[in-house]
Amino acid sequence: MKPTGGKTKAQTTTKTVTKKELLTKGSDANFRSYIHDMFAFSVRMQDVRSRFGAFIGVSGSQYIILVAVSHLQDKLGVGVNVIAKHLQLSSAFITMEINNLVAAGLVDKATDPIDRRRVRLMLSAEGKQRLESLKAIQAPVNDAIFASLTREEFDSLRDIQNRLVHHSAEALALLEFYAAKTGTYGN
């Protein structure tokens, strides 16, 4: 049955965005569709991370921490705070997971020679070997994920994603403000 005059339900629904660049002909439908796709992609990427971890006998979080240590360590290693900032996770969480990785023999921990209150982290020989063993699986999986992108699209996506990460931190701060103001706290 066709609506008889007036606006349809979709037209009268409050929009989830008001920024004109995110609206298509006044509708937020494309924006909402994009957000749902982004959530689906995020869930799949978390699943990929967990499966990569499973291949080398660690959790998904531990896997990404091993990768970060590998990429960020210098001759003296890398500090917990550098890893936490890079992964945008709390130092407490990184410390807890690092302790598990040290116990598993995948990360070596040493006192920082400059600031003896801090520790420096480096991949152990076993940690390096496990990450190296994953490359035969990792490369084709990563290639499949990004198969449809051209070089220019990939460069643009990296830039856009970096900006979205930055602004999502601002959005979370805004949500904290609203939560404090209304007394509504989520998980």
N, C-alpha and C. Protein backbone atom coordinates (compact mmCIF):
# COMPACT_ATOMS: atom_id res chain seq x y z
N MET A 1 0.85 -1.18 0.00
CA MET A 1 0.00 0.00 0.00
C MET A 1 0.89 1.24 0.00
N LYS A 2 0.62 2.15 -0.90
CA LYS A 2 1.40 3.39 -1.01
C LYS A 2 0.97 4.39 0.04
N PRO A 3 1.95 5.16 0.55
CA PRO A 3 1.55 6.22 1.48
C PRO A 3 0.72 7.26 0.75
N THR A 4 -0.24 7.79 1.41
CA THR A 4 -1.11 8.80 0.79
C THR A 4 -0.70 10.18 1.26
N GLY A 5 0.23 10.77 0.52
CA GLY A 5 0.69 12.12 0.86
C GLY A 5 1.56 12.12 2.10
N GLY A 6 2.17 13.22 2.35
CA GLY A 6 3.03 13.35 3.52
C GLY A 6 4.35 12.61 3.33
N LYS A 7 5.08 12.50 4.40
CA LYS A 7 6.40 11.88 4.33
C LYS A 7 6.33 10.42 4.74
N THR A 8 7.22 9.62 4.15
CA THR A 8 7.32 8.22 4.54
C THR A 8 8.06 8.13 5.86
N LYS A 9 8.00 6.96 6.48
CA LYS A 9 8.67 6.75 7.76
C LYS A 9 10.16 7.06 7.64
N ALA A 10 10.81 6.60 6.56
CA ALA A 10 12.24 6.83 6.36
C ALA A 10 12.57 8.32 6.27
N GLN A 11 11.65 9.09 5.70
CA GLN A 11 11.90 10.51 5.55
C GLN A 11 11.73 11.27 6.86
N THR A 12 10.95 10.74 7.78
CA THR A 12 10.72 11.45 9.03
C THR A 12 11.65 10.99 10.16
N THR A 13 12.41 9.92 9.92
CA THR A 13 13.34 9.41 10.92
C THR A 13 14.47 10.42 11.12
N THR A 14 14.84 10.59 12.36
CA THR A 14 15.96 11.48 12.66
C THR A 14 17.24 10.90 12.06
N LYS A 15 18.02 11.75 11.46
CA LYS A 15 19.27 11.32 10.83
C LYS A 15 20.33 11.02 11.88
N THR A 16 21.22 10.09 11.54
CA THR A 16 22.32 9.73 12.44
C THR A 16 23.54 10.61 12.22
N VAL A 17 23.52 11.43 11.19
CA VAL A 17 24.56 12.44 10.92
C VAL A 17 23.88 13.68 10.38
N THR A 18 24.54 14.82 10.56
CA THR A 18 24.02 16.06 9.98
C THR A 18 25.04 16.71 9.05
N LYS A 19 26.27 16.28 9.09
CA LYS A 19 27.32 16.84 8.23
C LYS A 19 26.93 16.59 6.77
N LYS A 20 26.82 17.66 6.00
CA LYS A 20 26.28 17.54 4.63
C LYS A 20 27.12 16.61 3.75
N GLU A 21 28.43 16.54 4.02
CA GLU A 21 29.30 15.67 3.21
C GLU A 21 28.98 14.19 3.42
N LEU A 22 28.25 13.86 4.47
CA LEU A 22 27.92 12.48 4.77
C LEU A 22 26.49 12.11 4.36
N LEU A 23 25.77 13.09 3.84
CA LEU A 23 24.39 12.86 3.41
C LEU A 23 24.33 12.75 1.89
N THR A 24 23.42 11.92 1.41
CA THR A 24 23.18 11.78 -0.02
C THR A 24 21.74 12.18 -0.27
N LYS A 25 21.55 13.29 -0.97
CA LYS A 25 20.21 13.82 -1.23
C LYS A 25 19.42 13.95 0.06
N GLY A 26 20.12 14.42 1.10
CA GLY A 26 19.48 14.65 2.39
C GLY A 26 19.28 13.42 3.25
N SER A 27 19.69 12.26 2.76
CA SER A 27 19.48 11.00 3.49
C SER A 27 20.79 10.51 4.09
N ASP A 28 20.69 9.87 5.25
CA ASP A 28 21.87 9.26 5.86
C ASP A 28 21.97 7.76 5.57
N ALA A 29 21.17 7.26 4.64
CA ALA A 29 21.14 5.83 4.34
C ALA A 29 22.51 5.31 3.87
N ASN A 30 23.18 6.05 2.99
CA ASN A 30 24.51 5.61 2.53
C ASN A 30 25.51 5.62 3.68
N PHE A 31 25.42 6.61 4.55
CA PHE A 31 26.31 6.67 5.71
C PHE A 31 26.08 5.45 6.60
N ARG A 32 24.82 5.14 6.91
CA ARG A 32 24.52 3.99 7.76
C ARG A 32 25.01 2.69 7.12
N SER A 33 24.84 2.57 5.81
CA SER A 33 25.31 1.39 5.10
C SER A 33 26.84 1.27 5.21
N TYR A 34 27.53 2.40 5.06
CA TYR A 34 28.98 2.41 5.21
C TYR A 34 29.40 1.98 6.61
N ILE A 35 28.73 2.50 7.64
CA ILE A 35 29.06 2.15 9.02
C ILE A 35 28.87 0.65 9.24
N HIS A 36 27.80 0.09 8.72
CA HIS A 36 27.58 -1.36 8.86
C HIS A 36 28.68 -2.14 8.15
N ASP A 37 29.08 -1.69 6.97
CA ASP A 37 30.19 -2.34 6.26
C ASP A 37 31.49 -2.23 7.06
N MET A 38 31.71 -1.06 7.66
CA MET A 38 32.93 -0.87 8.44
C MET A 38 32.94 -1.81 9.66
N PHE A 39 31.79 -1.95 10.32
CA PHE A 39 31.71 -2.87 11.46
C PHE A 39 31.99 -4.30 11.00
N ALA A 40 31.39 -4.70 9.87
CA ALA A 40 31.61 -6.05 9.35
C ALA A 40 33.09 -6.26 9.03
N PHE A 41 33.73 -5.27 8.41
CA PHE A 41 35.15 -5.36 8.09
C PHE A 41 35.98 -5.45 9.37
N SER A 42 35.63 -4.65 10.35
CA SER A 42 36.35 -4.66 11.62
C SER A 42 36.26 -6.03 12.30
N VAL A 43 35.07 -6.61 12.31
CA VAL A 43 34.89 -7.93 12.91
C VAL A 43 35.73 -8.96 12.16
N ARG A 44 35.72 -8.89 10.84
CA ARG A 44 36.50 -9.85 10.05
C ARG A 44 38.00 -9.66 10.28
N MET A 45 38.44 -8.41 10.39
CA MET A 45 39.87 -8.17 10.65
C MET A 45 40.27 -8.69 12.02
N GLN A 46 39.38 -8.57 13.00
CA GLN A 46 39.67 -9.13 14.33
C GLN A 46 39.74 -10.65 14.25
N ASP A 47 38.88 -11.24 13.44
CA ASP A 47 38.91 -12.69 13.25
C ASP A 47 40.21 -13.11 12.58
N VAL A 48 40.64 -12.37 11.56
CA VAL A 48 41.91 -12.66 10.89
C VAL A 48 43.05 -12.58 11.91
N ARG A 49 43.06 -11.51 12.72
CA ARG A 49 44.09 -11.34 13.74
C ARG A 49 44.10 -12.52 14.70
N SER A 50 42.94 -12.95 15.14
CA SER A 50 42.85 -14.09 16.07
C SER A 50 43.34 -15.38 15.42
N ARG A 51 43.02 -15.56 14.16
CA ARG A 51 43.45 -16.77 13.46
C ARG A 51 44.95 -16.75 13.19
N PHE A 52 45.50 -15.58 12.85
CA PHE A 52 46.96 -15.49 12.72
C PHE A 52 47.60 -15.87 14.06
N GLY A 53 47.06 -15.34 15.15
CA GLY A 53 47.58 -15.68 16.46
C GLY A 53 47.50 -17.17 16.74
N ALA A 54 46.37 -17.77 16.40
CA ALA A 54 46.18 -19.20 16.65
C ALA A 54 47.23 -20.04 15.91
N PHE A 55 47.59 -19.61 14.69
CA PHE A 55 48.59 -20.35 13.92
C PHE A 55 49.94 -20.40 14.64
N ILE A 56 50.23 -19.37 15.44
CA ILE A 56 51.52 -19.35 16.14
C ILE A 56 51.38 -19.56 17.65
N GLY A 57 50.18 -19.97 18.08
CA GLY A 57 49.98 -20.36 19.46
C GLY A 57 49.78 -19.25 20.46
N VAL A 58 49.26 -18.10 20.00
CA VAL A 58 48.98 -16.98 20.90
C VAL A 58 47.60 -16.43 20.59
N SER A 59 47.10 -15.55 21.46
CA SER A 59 45.81 -14.89 21.20
C SER A 59 45.98 -13.83 20.12
N GLY A 60 44.87 -13.32 19.62
CA GLY A 60 44.92 -12.25 18.63
C GLY A 60 45.61 -11.01 19.15
N SER A 61 45.33 -10.64 20.40
CA SER A 61 45.97 -9.48 21.01
C SER A 61 47.47 -9.70 21.15
N GLN A 62 47.85 -10.89 21.58
CA GLN A 62 49.28 -11.19 21.73
C GLN A 62 49.98 -11.18 20.37
N TYR A 63 49.30 -11.67 19.35
CA TYR A 63 49.88 -11.65 18.00
C TYR A 63 50.20 -10.21 17.58
N ILE A 64 49.24 -9.31 17.72
CA ILE A 64 49.46 -7.94 17.26
C ILE A 64 50.52 -7.24 18.10
N ILE A 65 50.65 -7.61 19.36
CA ILE A 65 51.72 -7.06 20.21
C ILE A 65 53.07 -7.59 19.74
N LEU A 66 53.15 -8.87 19.40
CA LEU A 66 54.40 -9.42 18.86
C LEU A 66 54.81 -8.69 17.58
N VAL A 67 53.85 -8.45 16.71
CA VAL A 67 54.13 -7.73 15.46
C VAL A 67 54.63 -6.32 15.77
N ALA A 68 53.99 -5.66 16.72
CA ALA A 68 54.40 -4.29 17.08
C ALA A 68 55.81 -4.29 17.66
N VAL A 69 56.12 -5.23 18.54
CA VAL A 69 57.48 -5.30 19.08
C VAL A 69 58.47 -5.52 17.95
N SER A 70 58.15 -6.42 17.04
CA SER A 70 59.03 -6.71 15.91
C SER A 70 59.32 -5.47 15.07
N HIS A 71 58.28 -4.70 14.78
CA HIS A 71 58.43 -3.54 13.91
C HIS A 71 59.02 -2.32 14.61
N LEU A 72 58.81 -2.21 15.92
CA LEU A 72 59.20 -0.99 16.62
C LEU A 72 60.52 -1.11 17.39
N GLN A 73 60.99 -2.33 17.62
CA GLN A 73 62.21 -2.48 18.42
C GLN A 73 63.43 -1.98 17.65
N ASP A 74 64.35 -1.40 18.40
CA ASP A 74 65.64 -1.05 17.84
C ASP A 74 66.68 -1.95 18.52
N LYS A 75 67.93 -1.58 18.48
CA LYS A 75 68.98 -2.43 19.07
C LYS A 75 68.81 -2.61 20.58
N LEU A 76 68.15 -1.66 21.23
CA LEU A 76 67.93 -1.75 22.68
C LEU A 76 66.54 -2.28 23.01
N GLY A 77 65.72 -2.54 22.01
CA GLY A 77 64.35 -2.99 22.24
C GLY A 77 63.37 -1.84 22.09
N VAL A 78 62.22 -1.99 22.71
CA VAL A 78 61.17 -0.97 22.64
C VAL A 78 60.44 -0.96 23.98
N GLY A 79 59.98 0.21 24.38
CA GLY A 79 59.27 0.35 25.66
C GLY A 79 57.80 0.02 25.56
N VAL A 80 57.22 -0.34 26.69
CA VAL A 80 55.80 -0.67 26.78
C VAL A 80 54.95 0.51 26.31
N ASN A 81 55.30 1.72 26.74
CA ASN A 81 54.50 2.90 26.37
C ASN A 81 54.48 3.14 24.86
N VAL A 82 55.59 2.85 24.20
CA VAL A 82 55.65 3.01 22.74
C VAL A 82 54.70 2.02 22.07
N ILE A 83 54.70 0.78 22.56
CA ILE A 83 53.80 -0.24 22.02
C ILE A 83 52.34 0.17 22.27
N ALA A 84 52.06 0.59 23.49
CA ALA A 84 50.69 0.98 23.84
C ALA A 84 50.20 2.13 22.96
N LYS A 85 51.04 3.13 22.78
CA LYS A 85 50.65 4.27 21.95
C LYS A 85 50.43 3.84 20.50
N HIS A 86 51.33 3.03 19.99
CA HIS A 86 51.24 2.55 18.61
C HIS A 86 49.94 1.77 18.37
N LEU A 87 49.59 0.90 19.31
CA LEU A 87 48.40 0.06 19.16
C LEU A 87 47.14 0.71 19.73
N GLN A 88 47.32 1.87 20.38
CA GLN A 88 46.22 2.60 20.99
C GLN A 88 45.48 1.72 22.01
N LEU A 89 46.30 1.08 22.84
CA LEU A 89 45.81 0.25 23.94
C LEU A 89 46.44 0.77 25.22
N SER A 90 45.88 0.38 26.36
CA SER A 90 46.42 0.87 27.63
C SER A 90 47.76 0.20 27.94
N SER A 91 48.61 0.94 28.61
CA SER A 91 49.90 0.39 29.04
C SER A 91 49.70 -0.79 29.97
N ALA A 92 48.67 -0.73 30.81
CA ALA A 92 48.39 -1.84 31.73
C ALA A 92 48.07 -3.12 30.96
N PHE A 93 47.25 -3.00 29.91
CA PHE A 93 46.91 -4.17 29.10
C PHE A 93 48.16 -4.71 28.40
N ILE A 94 48.95 -3.81 27.82
CA ILE A 94 50.18 -4.23 27.13
C ILE A 94 51.10 -4.94 28.11
N THR A 95 51.27 -4.39 29.31
CA THR A 95 52.14 -4.99 30.32
C THR A 95 51.67 -6.40 30.67
N MET A 96 50.36 -6.56 30.87
CA MET A 96 49.81 -7.88 31.20
C MET A 96 50.09 -8.89 30.08
N GLU A 97 49.85 -8.49 28.84
CA GLU A 97 50.07 -9.40 27.72
C GLU A 97 51.57 -9.65 27.49
N ILE A 98 52.39 -8.64 27.68
CA ILE A 98 53.84 -8.83 27.55
C ILE A 98 54.33 -9.85 28.57
N ASN A 99 53.82 -9.77 29.79
CA ASN A 99 54.22 -10.75 30.82
C ASN A 99 53.89 -12.17 30.37
N ASN A 100 52.74 -12.35 29.72
CA ASN A 100 52.36 -13.66 29.18
C ASN A 100 53.30 -14.08 28.05
N LEU A 101 53.67 -13.13 27.20
CA LEU A 101 54.58 -13.43 26.08
C LEU A 101 55.99 -13.73 26.58
N VAL A 102 56.42 -13.06 27.64
CA VAL A 102 57.72 -13.36 28.26
C VAL A 102 57.69 -14.76 28.84
N ALA A 103 56.61 -15.10 29.55
CA ALA A 103 56.48 -16.43 30.15
C ALA A 103 56.47 -17.52 29.08
N ALA A 104 55.93 -17.21 27.90
CA ALA A 104 55.89 -18.17 26.80
C ALA A 104 57.20 -18.23 26.03
N GLY A 105 58.15 -17.35 26.39
CA GLY A 105 59.46 -17.36 25.73
C GLY A 105 59.47 -16.67 24.37
N LEU A 106 58.49 -15.81 24.11
CA LEU A 106 58.39 -15.14 22.81
C LEU A 106 58.94 -13.73 22.82
N VAL A 107 59.04 -13.13 24.00
CA VAL A 107 59.57 -11.78 24.16
C VAL A 107 60.58 -11.80 25.29
N ASP A 108 61.68 -11.10 25.08
CA ASP A 108 62.68 -10.91 26.13
C ASP A 108 62.49 -9.53 26.72
N LYS A 109 62.65 -9.44 28.03
CA LYS A 109 62.47 -8.18 28.74
C LYS A 109 63.77 -7.88 29.47
N ALA A 110 64.23 -6.63 29.33
CA ALA A 110 65.45 -6.20 30.01
C ALA A 110 65.23 -4.80 30.59
N THR A 111 66.01 -4.49 31.62
CA THR A 111 65.94 -3.15 32.22
C THR A 111 66.50 -2.14 31.24
N ASP A 112 65.82 -1.02 31.10
CA ASP A 112 66.28 0.06 30.24
C ASP A 112 67.57 0.63 30.83
N PRO A 113 68.66 0.67 30.04
CA PRO A 113 69.93 1.15 30.58
C PRO A 113 69.93 2.64 30.94
N ILE A 114 69.03 3.41 30.35
CA ILE A 114 68.98 4.84 30.61
C ILE A 114 68.07 5.15 31.79
N ASP A 115 66.90 4.51 31.82
CA ASP A 115 65.94 4.72 32.91
C ASP A 115 65.63 3.36 33.51
N ARG A 116 66.30 3.04 34.59
CA ARG A 116 66.24 1.70 35.18
C ARG A 116 64.85 1.35 35.73
N ARG A 117 63.93 2.31 35.77
CA ARG A 117 62.55 2.02 36.19
C ARG A 117 61.74 1.40 35.06
N ARG A 118 62.23 1.53 33.85
CA ARG A 118 61.50 1.04 32.67
C ARG A 118 62.14 -0.25 32.14
N VAL A 119 61.35 -0.95 31.31
CA VAL A 119 61.87 -2.15 30.67
C VAL A 119 61.91 -1.94 29.16
N ARG A 120 62.77 -2.70 28.52
CA ARG A 120 62.88 -2.70 27.06
C ARG A 120 62.51 -4.10 26.58
N LEU A 121 61.76 -4.17 25.52
CA LEU A 121 61.26 -5.45 25.00
C LEU A 121 61.87 -5.74 23.64
N MET A 122 62.18 -7.01 23.44
CA MET A 122 62.67 -7.48 22.14
C MET A 122 62.07 -8.86 21.88
N LEU A 123 61.87 -9.16 20.62
CA LEU A 123 61.43 -10.51 20.29
C LEU A 123 62.54 -11.48 20.65
N SER A 124 62.18 -12.61 21.20
CA SER A 124 63.15 -13.69 21.42
C SER A 124 63.36 -14.41 20.09
N ALA A 125 64.32 -15.30 20.05
CA ALA A 125 64.55 -16.09 18.84
C ALA A 125 63.29 -16.88 18.49
N GLU A 126 62.61 -17.43 19.50
CA GLU A 126 61.37 -18.17 19.28
C GLU A 126 60.27 -17.26 18.75
N GLY A 127 60.16 -16.05 19.29
CA GLY A 127 59.16 -15.09 18.80
C GLY A 127 59.40 -14.75 17.34
N LYS A 128 60.66 -14.51 16.99
CA LYS A 128 61.00 -14.21 15.58
C LYS A 128 60.65 -15.38 14.68
N GLN A 129 60.99 -16.58 15.13
CA GLN A 129 60.74 -17.78 14.32
C GLN A 129 59.24 -17.97 14.08
N ARG A 130 58.44 -17.77 15.12
CA ARG A 130 56.99 -17.95 14.96
C ARG A 130 56.40 -16.93 14.00
N LEU A 131 56.81 -15.67 14.13
CA LEU A 131 56.31 -14.65 13.19
C LEU A 131 56.76 -14.96 11.76
N GLU A 132 58.00 -15.40 11.62
CA GLU A 132 58.53 -15.74 10.29
C GLU A 132 57.74 -16.90 9.68
N SER A 133 57.38 -17.89 10.50
CA SER A 133 56.64 -19.06 10.01
C SER A 133 55.24 -18.68 9.51
N LEU A 134 54.73 -17.59 9.98
CA LEU A 134 53.38 -17.15 9.61
C LEU A 134 53.33 -16.48 8.24
N LYS A 135 54.45 -15.99 7.76
CA LYS A 135 54.45 -15.20 6.52
C LYS A 135 53.89 -15.95 5.32
N ALA A 136 54.09 -17.26 5.26
CA ALA A 136 53.57 -18.05 4.13
C ALA A 136 52.05 -18.02 4.09
N ILE A 137 51.41 -17.85 5.24
CA ILE A 137 49.95 -17.76 5.32
C ILE A 137 49.51 -16.30 5.26
N GLN A 138 50.25 -15.46 5.94
CA GLN A 138 49.90 -14.05 6.10
C GLN A 138 49.84 -13.32 4.76
N ALA A 139 50.83 -13.52 3.92
CA ALA A 139 50.89 -12.78 2.65
C ALA A 139 49.67 -13.05 1.77
N PRO A 140 49.30 -14.31 1.49
CA PRO A 140 48.13 -14.51 0.64
C PRO A 140 46.82 -14.03 1.27
N VAL A 141 46.71 -14.14 2.59
CA VAL A 141 45.50 -13.66 3.27
C VAL A 141 45.40 -12.14 3.14
N ASN A 142 46.50 -11.43 3.43
CA ASN A 142 46.49 -9.97 3.30
C ASN A 142 46.25 -9.55 1.86
N ASP A 143 46.85 -10.27 0.90
CA ASP A 143 46.61 -9.96 -0.51
C ASP A 143 45.13 -10.12 -0.86
N ALA A 144 44.49 -11.15 -0.31
CA ALA A 144 43.07 -11.39 -0.58
C ALA A 144 42.20 -10.28 0.01
N ILE A 145 42.54 -9.85 1.22
CA ILE A 145 41.74 -8.79 1.86
C ILE A 145 41.73 -7.53 1.02
N PHE A 146 42.89 -7.16 0.49
CA PHE A 146 43.02 -5.88 -0.22
C PHE A 146 43.11 -6.08 -1.74
N ALA A 147 42.62 -7.20 -2.24
CA ALA A 147 42.74 -7.55 -3.67
C ALA A 147 42.13 -6.52 -4.60
N SER A 148 41.08 -5.86 -4.19
CA SER A 148 40.37 -4.95 -5.10
C SER A 148 40.96 -3.55 -5.16
N LEU A 149 41.98 -3.27 -4.36
CA LEU A 149 42.51 -1.91 -4.29
C LEU A 149 43.67 -1.68 -5.25
N THR A 150 43.65 -0.51 -5.89
CA THR A 150 44.80 -0.07 -6.67
C THR A 150 45.81 0.57 -5.70
N ARG A 151 47.00 0.84 -6.17
CA ARG A 151 48.02 1.51 -5.36
C ARG A 151 47.48 2.84 -4.84
N GLU A 152 46.85 3.63 -5.72
CA GLU A 152 46.33 4.94 -5.34
C GLU A 152 45.22 4.80 -4.30
N GLU A 153 44.34 3.82 -4.50
CA GLU A 153 43.26 3.60 -3.55
C GLU A 153 43.81 3.18 -2.19
N PHE A 154 44.83 2.32 -2.20
CA PHE A 154 45.43 1.89 -0.94
C PHE A 154 46.05 3.08 -0.21
N ASP A 155 46.79 3.91 -0.93
CA ASP A 155 47.39 5.09 -0.31
C ASP A 155 46.31 6.02 0.25
N SER A 156 45.24 6.20 -0.50
CA SER A 156 44.13 7.04 -0.05
C SER A 156 43.45 6.42 1.17
N LEU A 157 43.23 5.12 1.14
CA LEU A 157 42.60 4.43 2.27
C LEU A 157 43.44 4.57 3.53
N ARG A 158 44.75 4.41 3.42
CA ARG A 158 45.64 4.57 4.58
C ARG A 158 45.51 5.97 5.17
N ASP A 159 45.50 6.97 4.32
CA ASP A 159 45.37 8.35 4.78
C ASP A 159 44.01 8.57 5.45
N ILE A 160 42.97 8.12 4.80
CA ILE A 160 41.62 8.30 5.34
C ILE A 160 41.48 7.55 6.66
N GLN A 161 41.96 6.31 6.71
CA GLN A 161 41.83 5.51 7.93
C GLN A 161 42.58 6.16 9.09
N ASN A 162 43.74 6.72 8.80
CA ASN A 162 44.51 7.41 9.84
C ASN A 162 43.71 8.58 10.41
N ARG A 163 43.07 9.33 9.54
CA ARG A 163 42.26 10.45 10.01
C ARG A 163 41.03 9.98 10.78
N LEU A 164 40.42 8.88 10.33
CA LEU A 164 39.26 8.35 11.04
C LEU A 164 39.65 7.85 12.43
N VAL A 165 40.80 7.23 12.55
CA VAL A 165 41.26 6.78 13.87
C VAL A 165 41.42 7.99 14.79
N HIS A 166 42.04 9.04 14.29
CA HIS A 166 42.23 10.26 15.09
C HIS A 166 40.89 10.83 15.55
N HIS A 167 39.97 10.97 14.62
CA HIS A 167 38.68 11.57 14.96
C HIS A 167 37.80 10.64 15.79
N SER A 168 38.01 9.32 15.65
CA SER A 168 37.23 8.41 16.49
C SER A 168 37.63 8.56 17.95
N ALA A 169 38.89 8.89 18.21
CA ALA A 169 39.32 9.17 19.59
C ALA A 169 38.60 10.41 20.12
N GLU A 170 38.45 11.42 19.28
CA GLU A 170 37.71 12.61 19.67
C GLU A 170 36.24 12.28 19.92
N ALA A 171 35.68 11.40 19.09
CA ALA A 171 34.28 11.00 19.26
C ALA A 171 34.09 10.25 20.57
N LEU A 172 35.04 9.41 20.93
CA LEU A 172 34.95 8.69 22.21
C LEU A 172 35.00 9.67 23.39
N ALA A 173 35.84 10.68 23.28
CA ALA A 173 35.90 11.70 24.33
C ALA A 173 34.55 12.42 24.44
N LEU A 174 33.92 12.68 23.30
CA LEU A 174 32.60 13.32 23.30
C LEU A 174 31.56 12.41 23.96
N LEU A 175 31.64 11.11 23.68
CA LEU A 175 30.73 10.16 24.33
C LEU A 175 30.96 10.12 25.83
N GLU A 176 32.21 10.20 26.26
CA GLU A 176 32.52 10.24 27.70
C GLU A 176 31.87 11.48 28.33
N PHE A 177 31.96 12.59 27.63
CA PHE A 177 31.34 13.84 28.12
C PHE A 177 29.84 13.65 28.29
N TYR A 178 29.18 13.10 27.24
CA TYR A 178 27.73 12.89 27.32
C TYR A 178 27.39 11.89 28.43
N ALA A 179 28.18 10.85 28.58
CA ALA A 179 27.93 9.85 29.63
C ALA A 179 28.02 10.49 31.01
N ALA A 180 29.04 11.32 31.22
CA ALA A 180 29.19 11.99 32.51
C ALA A 180 28.03 12.97 32.76
N LYS A 181 27.64 13.64 31.70
CA LYS A 181 26.56 14.63 31.81
C LYS A 181 25.22 13.99 32.12
N THR A 182 24.98 12.82 31.53
CA THR A 182 23.68 12.16 31.69
C THR A 182 23.70 11.07 32.74
N GLY A 183 24.89 10.70 33.21
CA GLY A 183 24.99 9.60 34.17
C GLY A 183 24.80 8.24 33.53
N THR A 184 24.95 8.18 32.21
CA THR A 184 24.79 6.93 31.46
C THR A 184 26.17 6.41 31.09
N TYR A 185 26.53 5.26 31.61
CA TYR A 185 27.85 4.70 31.31
C TYR A 185 27.68 3.35 30.66
N GLY A 186 28.41 3.18 29.57
CA GLY A 186 28.37 1.91 28.85
C GLY A 186 29.50 1.01 29.30
N ASN A 187 29.70 -0.03 28.54
CA ASN A 187 30.77 -0.98 28.86
C ASN A 187 32.11 -0.43 28.54
